[in-house]
Structures are given as structure tokens and as C-alpha cells.
PDB file of N, CA and C in Angstrom:
ATOM      1  N   MET A   1      -0.939  22.218  16.598  1.00  0.00           N
ATOM      2  CA  MET A   1      -1.646  20.951  16.530  1.00  0.00           C
ATOM      3  C   MET A   1      -1.368  20.183  17.819  1.00  0.00           C
ATOM      4  N   LYS A   2      -2.414  19.643  18.430  1.00  0.00           N
ATOM      5  CA  LYS A   2      -2.269  18.923  19.696  1.00  0.00           C
ATOM      6  C   LYS A   2      -1.378  17.698  19.568  1.00  0.00           C
ATOM      7  N   MET A   3      -1.495  16.980  18.481  1.00  0.00           N
ATOM      8  CA  MET A   3      -0.691  15.775  18.303  1.00  0.00           C
ATOM      9  C   MET A   3       0.795  16.109  18.327  1.00  0.00           C
ATOM     10  N   GLN A   4       1.158  17.172  17.692  1.00  0.00           N
ATOM     11  CA  GLN A   4       2.553  17.579  17.607  1.00  0.00           C
ATOM     12  C   GLN A   4       3.121  17.896  18.991  1.00  0.00           C
ATOM     13  N   SER A   5       2.286  18.367  19.907  1.00  0.00           N
ATOM     14  CA  SER A   5       2.753  18.753  21.236  1.00  0.00           C
ATOM     15  C   SER A   5       3.142  17.543  22.094  1.00  0.00           C
ATOM     16  N   VAL A   6       2.705  16.339  21.720  1.00  0.00           N
ATOM     17  CA  VAL A   6       3.040  15.142  22.506  1.00  0.00           C
ATOM     18  C   VAL A   6       4.015  14.214  21.782  1.00  0.00           C
ATOM     19  N   CYS A   7       4.487  14.610  20.618  1.00  0.00           N
ATOM     20  CA  CYS A   7       5.431  13.801  19.841  1.00  0.00           C
ATOM     21  C   CYS A   7       6.821  14.430  19.888  1.00  0.00           C
ATOM     22  N   SER A   8       7.823  13.599  19.933  1.00  0.00           N
ATOM     23  CA  SER A   8       9.199  14.067  19.885  1.00  0.00           C
ATOM     24  C   SER A   8       9.478  14.694  18.520  1.00  0.00           C
ATOM     25  N   SER A   9      10.303  15.723  18.506  1.00  0.00           N
ATOM     26  CA  SER A   9      10.690  16.332  17.231  1.00  0.00           C
ATOM     27  C   SER A   9      11.588  15.389  16.429  1.00  0.00           C
ATOM     28  N   LYS A  10      12.089  14.326  17.078  1.00  0.00           N
ATOM     29  CA  LYS A  10      12.967  13.352  16.423  1.00  0.00           C
ATOM     30  C   LYS A  10      12.249  12.042  16.114  1.00  0.00           C
ATOM     31  N   ILE A  11      10.930  12.075  16.079  1.00  0.00           N
ATOM     32  CA  ILE A  11      10.137  10.866  15.832  1.00  0.00           C
ATOM     33  C   ILE A  11      10.551  10.227  14.496  1.00  0.00           C
ATOM     34  N   ILE A  12      10.624   8.904  14.497  1.00  0.00           N
ATOM     35  CA  ILE A  12      10.956   8.150  13.287  1.00  0.00           C
ATOM     36  C   ILE A  12       9.715   7.365  12.883  1.00  0.00           C
ATOM     37  N   LEU A  13       9.230   7.609  11.676  1.00  0.00           N
ATOM     38  CA  LEU A  13       8.023   6.953  11.181  1.00  0.00           C
ATOM     39  C   LEU A  13       8.372   6.124   9.955  1.00  0.00           C
ATOM     40  N   GLN A  14       8.027   4.853  10.008  1.00  0.00           N
ATOM     41  CA  GLN A  14       8.285   3.972   8.877  1.00  0.00           C
ATOM     42  C   GLN A  14       7.083   3.067   8.663  1.00  0.00           C
ATOM     43  N   SER A  15       6.827   2.741   7.408  1.00  0.00           N
ATOM     44  CA  SER A  15       5.748   1.823   7.034  1.00  0.00           C
ATOM     45  C   SER A  15       6.313   0.779   6.087  1.00  0.00           C
ATOM     46  N   ILE A  16       5.717  -0.379   6.130  1.00  0.00           N
ATOM     47  CA  ILE A  16       6.097  -1.464   5.230  1.00  0.00           C
ATOM     48  C   ILE A  16       4.899  -1.789   4.351  1.00  0.00           C
ATOM     49  N   SER A  17       5.145  -1.883   3.063  1.00  0.00           N
ATOM     50  CA  SER A  17       4.123  -2.298   2.108  1.00  0.00           C
ATOM     51  C   SER A  17       4.520  -3.670   1.580  1.00  0.00           C
ATOM     52  N   GLU A  18       3.611  -4.627   1.710  1.00  0.00           N
ATOM     53  CA  GLU A  18       3.878  -5.975   1.221  1.00  0.00           C
ATOM     54  C   GLU A  18       3.011  -6.246  -0.001  1.00  0.00           C
ATOM     55  N   SER A  19       3.651  -6.623  -1.107  1.00  0.00           N
ATOM     56  CA  SER A  19       2.925  -6.885  -2.337  1.00  0.00           C
ATOM     57  C   SER A  19       3.645  -7.960  -3.138  1.00  0.00           C
ATOM     58  N   ALA A  20       2.914  -8.996  -3.517  1.00  0.00           N
ATOM     59  CA  ALA A  20       3.496 -10.053  -4.347  1.00  0.00           C
ATOM     60  C   ALA A  20       3.851  -9.513  -5.729  1.00  0.00           C
ATOM     61  N   VAL A  21       3.089  -8.513  -6.198  1.00  0.00           N
ATOM     62  CA  VAL A  21       3.311  -7.949  -7.526  1.00  0.00           C
ATOM     63  C   VAL A  21       4.416  -6.892  -7.510  1.00  0.00           C
ATOM     64  N   LYS A  22       4.328  -5.944  -6.567  1.00  0.00           N
ATOM     65  CA  LYS A  22       5.270  -4.818  -6.528  1.00  0.00           C
ATOM     66  C   LYS A  22       6.483  -5.077  -5.632  1.00  0.00           C
ATOM     67  N   GLY A  23       6.445  -6.144  -4.870  1.00  0.00           N
ATOM     68  CA  GLY A  23       7.531  -6.423  -3.936  1.00  0.00           C
ATOM     69  C   GLY A  23       7.312  -5.715  -2.608  1.00  0.00           C
ATOM     70  N   ASN A  24       8.102  -6.082  -1.630  1.00  0.00           N
ATOM     71  CA  ASN A  24       8.001  -5.480  -0.302  1.00  0.00           C
ATOM     72  C   ASN A  24       8.880  -4.239  -0.233  1.00  0.00           C
ATOM     73  N   LYS A  25       8.336  -3.175   0.391  1.00  0.00           N
ATOM     74  CA  LYS A  25       9.071  -1.911   0.441  1.00  0.00           C
ATOM     75  C   LYS A  25       8.950  -1.278   1.818  1.00  0.00           C
ATOM     76  N   LEU A  26      10.008  -0.577   2.207  1.00  0.00           N
ATOM     77  CA  LEU A  26      10.037   0.186   3.445  1.00  0.00           C
ATOM     78  C   LEU A  26       9.973   1.663   3.081  1.00  0.00           C
ATOM     79  N   PHE A  27       9.044   2.391   3.707  1.00  0.00           N
ATOM     80  CA  PHE A  27       8.865   3.810   3.440  1.00  0.00           C
ATOM     81  C   PHE A  27       9.141   4.618   4.700  1.00  0.00           C
ATOM     82  N   ASP A  28       9.847   5.723   4.546  1.00  0.00           N
ATOM     83  CA  ASP A  28      10.061   6.678   5.632  1.00  0.00           C
ATOM     84  C   ASP A  28       9.091   7.838   5.447  1.00  0.00           C
ATOM     85  N   GLU A  29       8.611   8.381   6.571  1.00  0.00           N
ATOM     86  CA  GLU A  29       7.713   9.532   6.531  1.00  0.00           C
ATOM     87  C   GLU A  29       8.165  10.513   7.603  1.00  0.00           C
ATOM     88  N   THR A  30       8.181  11.787   7.287  1.00  0.00           N
ATOM     89  CA  THR A  30       8.550  12.788   8.283  1.00  0.00           C
ATOM     90  C   THR A  30       7.341  13.076   9.170  1.00  0.00           C
ATOM     91  N   ALA A  31       7.616  13.621  10.334  1.00  0.00           N
ATOM     92  CA  ALA A  31       6.533  14.007  11.236  1.00  0.00           C
ATOM     93  C   ALA A  31       5.626  15.032  10.558  1.00  0.00           C
ATOM     94  N   GLN A  32       6.213  15.985   9.834  1.00  0.00           N
ATOM     95  CA  GLN A  32       5.412  17.013   9.157  1.00  0.00           C
ATOM     96  C   GLN A  32       4.474  16.394   8.118  1.00  0.00           C
ATOM     97  N   GLU A  33       4.946  15.367   7.400  1.00  0.00           N
ATOM     98  CA  GLU A  33       4.082  14.684   6.424  1.00  0.00           C
ATOM     99  C   GLU A  33       2.917  14.002   7.133  1.00  0.00           C
ATOM    100  N   LEU A  34       3.186  13.385   8.288  1.00  0.00           N
ATOM    101  CA  LEU A  34       2.115  12.746   9.059  1.00  0.00           C
ATOM    102  C   LEU A  34       1.085  13.773   9.511  1.00  0.00           C
ATOM    103  N   TYR A  35       1.547  14.875  10.098  1.00  0.00           N
ATOM    104  CA  TYR A  35       0.623  15.908  10.577  1.00  0.00           C
ATOM    105  C   TYR A  35      -0.221  16.474   9.436  1.00  0.00           C
ATOM    106  N   LYS A  36       0.410  16.735   8.289  1.00  0.00           N
ATOM    107  CA  LYS A  36      -0.304  17.272   7.125  1.00  0.00           C
ATOM    108  C   LYS A  36      -1.350  16.275   6.631  1.00  0.00           C
ATOM    109  N   SER A  37      -0.986  14.993   6.599  1.00  0.00           N
ATOM    110  CA  SER A  37      -1.902  13.949   6.152  1.00  0.00           C
ATOM    111  C   SER A  37      -3.129  13.865   7.058  1.00  0.00           C
ATOM    112  N   ILE A  38      -2.898  13.895   8.355  1.00  0.00           N
ATOM    113  CA  ILE A  38      -4.011  13.814   9.308  1.00  0.00           C
ATOM    114  C   ILE A  38      -4.894  15.050   9.217  1.00  0.00           C
ATOM    115  N   ALA A  39      -4.282  16.215   9.083  1.00  0.00           N
ATOM    116  CA  ALA A  39      -5.051  17.461   8.997  1.00  0.00           C
ATOM    117  C   ALA A  39      -5.904  17.528   7.733  1.00  0.00           C
ATOM    118  N   SER A  40      -5.537  16.769   6.693  1.00  0.00           N
ATOM    119  CA  SER A  40      -6.287  16.819   5.434  1.00  0.00           C
ATOM    120  C   SER A  40      -7.469  15.845   5.387  1.00  0.00           C
ATOM    121  N   ILE A  41      -7.667  15.053   6.425  1.00  0.00           N
ATOM    122  CA  ILE A  41      -8.787  14.104   6.442  1.00  0.00           C
ATOM    123  C   ILE A  41     -10.098  14.876   6.581  1.00  0.00           C
ATOM    124  N   PRO A  42     -11.044  14.649   5.691  1.00  0.00           N
ATOM    125  CA  PRO A  42     -12.331  15.361   5.779  1.00  0.00           C
ATOM    126  C   PRO A  42     -13.049  15.044   7.098  1.00  0.00           C
ATOM    127  N   SER A  43     -13.693  16.040   7.669  1.00  0.00           N
ATOM    128  CA  SER A  43     -14.405  15.841   8.944  1.00  0.00           C
ATOM    129  C   SER A  43     -15.565  14.867   8.807  1.00  0.00           C
ATOM    130  N   THR A  44     -16.023  14.623   7.581  1.00  0.00           N
ATOM    131  CA  THR A  44     -17.128  13.683   7.357  1.00  0.00           C
ATOM    132  C   THR A  44     -16.666  12.232   7.300  1.00  0.00           C
ATOM    133  N   MET A  45     -15.361  12.019   7.232  1.00  0.00           N
ATOM    134  CA  MET A  45     -14.822  10.656   7.153  1.00  0.00           C
ATOM    135  C   MET A  45     -14.641  10.098   8.561  1.00  0.00           C
ATOM    136  N   LYS A  46     -15.184   8.912   8.787  1.00  0.00           N
ATOM    137  CA  LYS A  46     -15.069   8.262  10.091  1.00  0.00           C
ATOM    138  C   LYS A  46     -13.932   7.242  10.034  1.00  0.00           C
ATOM    139  N   LEU A  47     -12.926   7.442  10.882  1.00  0.00           N
ATOM    140  CA  LEU A  47     -11.791   6.526  10.951  1.00  0.00           C
ATOM    141  C   LEU A  47     -11.777   5.864  12.319  1.00  0.00           C
ATOM    142  N   HIS A  48     -11.485   4.568  12.337  1.00  0.00           N
ATOM    143  CA  HIS A  48     -11.439   3.838  13.612  1.00  0.00           C
ATOM    144  C   HIS A  48     -10.399   2.736  13.517  1.00  0.00           C
ATOM    145  N   GLU A  49      -9.547   2.665  14.514  1.00  0.00           N
ATOM    146  CA  GLU A  49      -8.536   1.608  14.559  1.00  0.00           C
ATOM    147  C   GLU A  49      -8.788   0.753  15.793  1.00  0.00           C
ATOM    148  N   LYS A  50      -8.932  -0.548  15.583  1.00  0.00           N
ATOM    149  CA  LYS A  50      -9.109  -1.491  16.684  1.00  0.00           C
ATOM    150  C   LYS A  50      -7.788  -2.201  16.933  1.00  0.00           C
ATOM    151  N   ILE A  51      -7.406  -2.266  18.197  1.00  0.00           N
ATOM    152  CA  ILE A  51      -6.212  -3.008  18.595  1.00  0.00           C
ATOM    153  C   ILE A  51      -6.694  -4.157  19.478  1.00  0.00           C
ATOM    154  N   PRO A  52      -6.849  -5.360  18.886  1.00  0.00           N
ATOM    155  CA  PRO A  52      -7.426  -6.473  19.637  1.00  0.00           C
ATOM    156  C   PRO A  52      -6.500  -7.060  20.704  1.00  0.00           C
ATOM    157  N   SER A  53      -5.205  -6.836  20.579  1.00  0.00           N
ATOM    158  CA  SER A  53      -4.261  -7.342  21.572  1.00  0.00           C
ATOM    159  C   SER A  53      -2.959  -6.573  21.451  1.00  0.00           C
ATOM    160  N   TYR A  54      -2.088  -6.750  22.411  1.00  0.00           N
ATOM    161  CA  TYR A  54      -0.774  -6.114  22.353  1.00  0.00           C
ATOM    162  C   TYR A  54       0.191  -6.869  23.246  1.00  0.00           C
ATOM    163  N   ASN A  55       1.482  -6.681  22.987  1.00  0.00           N
ATOM    164  CA  ASN A  55       2.531  -7.317  23.753  1.00  0.00           C
ATOM    165  C   ASN A  55       3.556  -6.241  24.115  1.00  0.00           C
ATOM    166  N   ILE A  56       3.820  -6.076  25.406  1.00  0.00           N
ATOM    167  CA  ILE A  56       4.776  -5.079  25.873  1.00  0.00           C
ATOM    168  C   ILE A  56       5.967  -5.789  26.495  1.00  0.00           C
ATOM    169  N   GLN A  57       7.162  -5.389  26.083  1.00  0.00           N
ATOM    170  CA  GLN A  57       8.390  -5.904  26.669  1.00  0.00           C
ATOM    171  C   GLN A  57       9.215  -4.721  27.150  1.00  0.00           C
ATOM    172  N   ILE A  58       9.725  -4.809  28.379  1.00  0.00           N
ATOM    173  CA  ILE A  58      10.519  -3.724  28.951  1.00  0.00           C
ATOM    174  C   ILE A  58      11.873  -4.288  29.378  1.00  0.00           C
ATOM    175  N   ASP A  59      12.923  -3.569  29.009  1.00  0.00           N
ATOM    176  CA  ASP A  59      14.274  -3.936  29.397  1.00  0.00           C
ATOM    177  C   ASP A  59      15.001  -2.656  29.796  1.00  0.00           C
ATOM    178  N   GLY A  60      15.140  -2.451  31.081  1.00  0.00           N
ATOM    179  CA  GLY A  60      15.790  -1.219  31.554  1.00  0.00           C
ATOM    180  C   GLY A  60      15.006   0.005  31.136  1.00  0.00           C
ATOM    181  N   THR A  61      15.639   0.861  30.335  1.00  0.00           N
ATOM    182  CA  THR A  61      14.981   2.108  29.918  1.00  0.00           C
ATOM    183  C   THR A  61      14.332   2.013  28.543  1.00  0.00           C
ATOM    184  N   MET A  62      14.281   0.803  27.977  1.00  0.00           N
ATOM    185  CA  MET A  62      13.662   0.636  26.658  1.00  0.00           C
ATOM    186  C   MET A  62      12.404  -0.218  26.785  1.00  0.00           C
ATOM    187  N   ALA A  63      11.366   0.206  26.094  1.00  0.00           N
ATOM    188  CA  ALA A  63      10.131  -0.571  26.024  1.00  0.00           C
ATOM    189  C   ALA A  63       9.788  -0.805  24.560  1.00  0.00           C
ATOM    190  N   HIS A  64       9.297  -1.991  24.269  1.00  0.00           N
ATOM    191  CA  HIS A  64       8.910  -2.371  22.915  1.00  0.00           C
ATOM    192  C   HIS A  64       7.451  -2.837  22.970  1.00  0.00           C
ATOM    193  N   VAL A  65       6.645  -2.328  22.049  1.00  0.00           N
ATOM    194  CA  VAL A  65       5.238  -2.715  21.981  1.00  0.00           C
ATOM    195  C   VAL A  65       4.935  -3.236  20.590  1.00  0.00           C
ATOM    196  N   TRP A  66       4.272  -4.398  20.517  1.00  0.00           N
ATOM    197  CA  TRP A  66       3.775  -4.949  19.256  1.00  0.00           C
ATOM    198  C   TRP A  66       2.263  -5.012  19.374  1.00  0.00           C
ATOM    199  N   ALA A  67       1.556  -4.419  18.415  1.00  0.00           N
ATOM    200  CA  ALA A  67       0.102  -4.360  18.486  1.00  0.00           C
ATOM    201  C   ALA A  67      -0.514  -4.586  17.102  1.00  0.00           C
ATOM    202  N   PRO A  68      -1.103  -5.763  16.870  1.00  0.00           N
ATOM    203  CA  PRO A  68      -1.835  -5.941  15.611  1.00  0.00           C
ATOM    204  C   PRO A  68      -3.064  -5.021  15.611  1.00  0.00           C
ATOM    205  N   TYR A  69      -3.487  -4.609  14.416  1.00  0.00           N
ATOM    206  CA  TYR A  69      -4.632  -3.698  14.346  1.00  0.00           C
ATOM    207  C   TYR A  69      -5.531  -4.004  13.160  1.00  0.00           C
ATOM    208  N   GLU A  70      -6.751  -3.481  13.254  1.00  0.00           N
ATOM    209  CA  GLU A  70      -7.738  -3.500  12.167  1.00  0.00           C
ATOM    210  C   GLU A  70      -8.148  -2.047  11.958  1.00  0.00           C
ATOM    211  N   PHE A  71      -8.093  -1.559  10.710  1.00  0.00           N
ATOM    212  CA  PHE A  71      -8.387  -0.156  10.431  1.00  0.00           C
ATOM    213  C   PHE A  71      -9.668  -0.058   9.610  1.00  0.00           C
ATOM    214  N   PHE A  72     -10.597   0.758  10.098  1.00  0.00           N
ATOM    215  CA  PHE A  72     -11.902   0.918   9.463  1.00  0.00           C
ATOM    216  C   PHE A  72     -12.081   2.341   8.951  1.00  0.00           C
ATOM    217  N   VAL A  73     -12.634   2.471   7.744  1.00  0.00           N
ATOM    218  CA  VAL A  73     -13.004   3.758   7.169  1.00  0.00           C
ATOM    219  C   VAL A  73     -14.504   3.726   6.932  1.00  0.00           C
ATOM    220  N   ASN A  74     -15.204   4.667   7.544  1.00  0.00           N
ATOM    221  CA  ASN A  74     -16.666   4.711   7.462  1.00  0.00           C
ATOM    222  C   ASN A  74     -17.283   3.344   7.779  1.00  0.00           C
ATOM    223  N   ASP A  75     -16.808   2.743   8.859  1.00  0.00           N
ATOM    224  CA  ASP A  75     -17.302   1.466   9.409  1.00  0.00           C
ATOM    225  C   ASP A  75     -17.018   0.251   8.531  1.00  0.00           C
ATOM    226  N   LYS A  76     -16.212   0.387   7.490  1.00  0.00           N
ATOM    227  CA  LYS A  76     -15.841  -0.754   6.644  1.00  0.00           C
ATOM    228  C   LYS A  76     -14.357  -1.046   6.838  1.00  0.00           C
ATOM    229  N   LEU A  77     -14.022  -2.333   6.974  1.00  0.00           N
ATOM    230  CA  LEU A  77     -12.631  -2.722   7.148  1.00  0.00           C
ATOM    231  C   LEU A  77     -11.828  -2.291   5.931  1.00  0.00           C
ATOM    232  N   SER A  78     -10.809  -1.492   6.159  1.00  0.00           N
ATOM    233  CA  SER A  78      -9.941  -1.010   5.089  1.00  0.00           C
ATOM    234  C   SER A  78      -8.710  -1.904   4.958  1.00  0.00           C
ATOM    235  N   HIS A  79      -8.053  -2.173   6.097  1.00  0.00           N
ATOM    236  CA  HIS A  79      -6.861  -3.015   6.074  1.00  0.00           C
ATOM    237  C   HIS A  79      -6.501  -3.450   7.489  1.00  0.00           C
ATOM    238  N   THR A  80      -5.604  -4.405   7.580  1.00  0.00           N
ATOM    239  CA  THR A  80      -5.092  -4.865   8.863  1.00  0.00           C
ATOM    240  C   THR A  80      -3.569  -4.781   8.830  1.00  0.00           C
ATOM    241  N   GLY A  81      -2.981  -4.844   9.981  1.00  0.00           N
ATOM    242  CA  GLY A  81      -1.533  -4.796  10.034  1.00  0.00           C
ATOM    243  C   GLY A  81      -1.034  -4.926  11.454  1.00  0.00           C
ATOM    244  N   GLY A  82       0.184  -4.548  11.651  1.00  0.00           N
ATOM    245  CA  GLY A  82       0.792  -4.583  12.972  1.00  0.00           C
ATOM    246  C   GLY A  82       1.536  -3.290  13.227  1.00  0.00           C
ATOM    247  N   ARG A  83       1.385  -2.757  14.410  1.00  0.00           N
ATOM    248  CA  ARG A  83       2.108  -1.544  14.815  1.00  0.00           C
ATOM    249  C   ARG A  83       3.236  -1.970  15.751  1.00  0.00           C
ATOM    250  N   GLU A  84       4.379  -1.327  15.574  1.00  0.00           N
ATOM    251  CA  GLU A  84       5.502  -1.578  16.457  1.00  0.00           C
ATOM    252  C   GLU A  84       5.978  -0.237  16.982  1.00  0.00           C
ATOM    253  N   TYR A  85       6.155  -0.153  18.280  1.00  0.00           N
ATOM    254  CA  TYR A  85       6.624   1.072  18.915  1.00  0.00           C
ATOM    255  C   TYR A  85       7.831   0.729  19.777  1.00  0.00           C
ATOM    256  N   VAL A  86       8.824   1.594  19.751  1.00  0.00           N
ATOM    257  CA  VAL A  86       9.973   1.466  20.639  1.00  0.00           C
ATOM    258  C   VAL A  86      10.056   2.775  21.426  1.00  0.00           C
ATOM    259  N   TYR A  87      10.087   2.648  22.744  1.00  0.00           N
ATOM    260  CA  TYR A  87      10.098   3.818  23.616  1.00  0.00           C
ATOM    261  C   TYR A  87      11.333   3.838  24.498  1.00  0.00           C
ATOM    262  N   PHE A  88      11.791   5.023  24.759  1.00  0.00           N
ATOM    263  CA  PHE A  88      12.811   5.260  25.776  1.00  0.00           C
ATOM    264  C   PHE A  88      12.047   5.708  27.011  1.00  0.00           C
ATOM    265  N   VAL A  89      12.094   4.910  28.075  1.00  0.00           N
ATOM    266  CA  VAL A  89      11.276   5.226  29.268  1.00  0.00           C
ATOM    267  C   VAL A  89      12.134   5.668  30.426  1.00  0.00           C
TER     268      VAL A  89
END
């Protein structure tokens, strides 16, 4: 898989779910779970993520990126959120 060739084998993936009813939760996902999930998306499904802005901070060999996003499925807004990335540069 092409995606796997550009990702570290030590990638850390986490998601936060916010819910007034169920409470806020932090979820861990393995790289293999991510790859399997992406590979299972039907070719007829159109996915699009818009990143309207971003903020990059660099300190020595570490970079931090904050990017709010809007996620669309078949041209309809599915959800919004924020992506956070930490890089060793």
C-alpha cells in the first residue's frame, strides 16, 4: 500500500470523541487498523477533507501542526474537527 510506504512503523494514531450523552473518550488506533479501514472504502464513495486554515509551530527538531477540517462524504458535510500533528524534523 502506498500510504504505508510513507508512514513510520511507529506512527501513533489517536481520536477524540466528544459526546454530552456518552462522555468524552480517547481512542487509540493501530496503523494496520487505519490501512484496513481505508482499503475497505467502496470506490463509489466520494470522500473529501477541506482544511480551511492551519497553524505551524517549529522548535528545533520538533514541529507541531494544528489544522481544523471539514469532512464530506458524497459531497455532504459529515463532520468537522481538528487535526493535530507532531513531527520530528
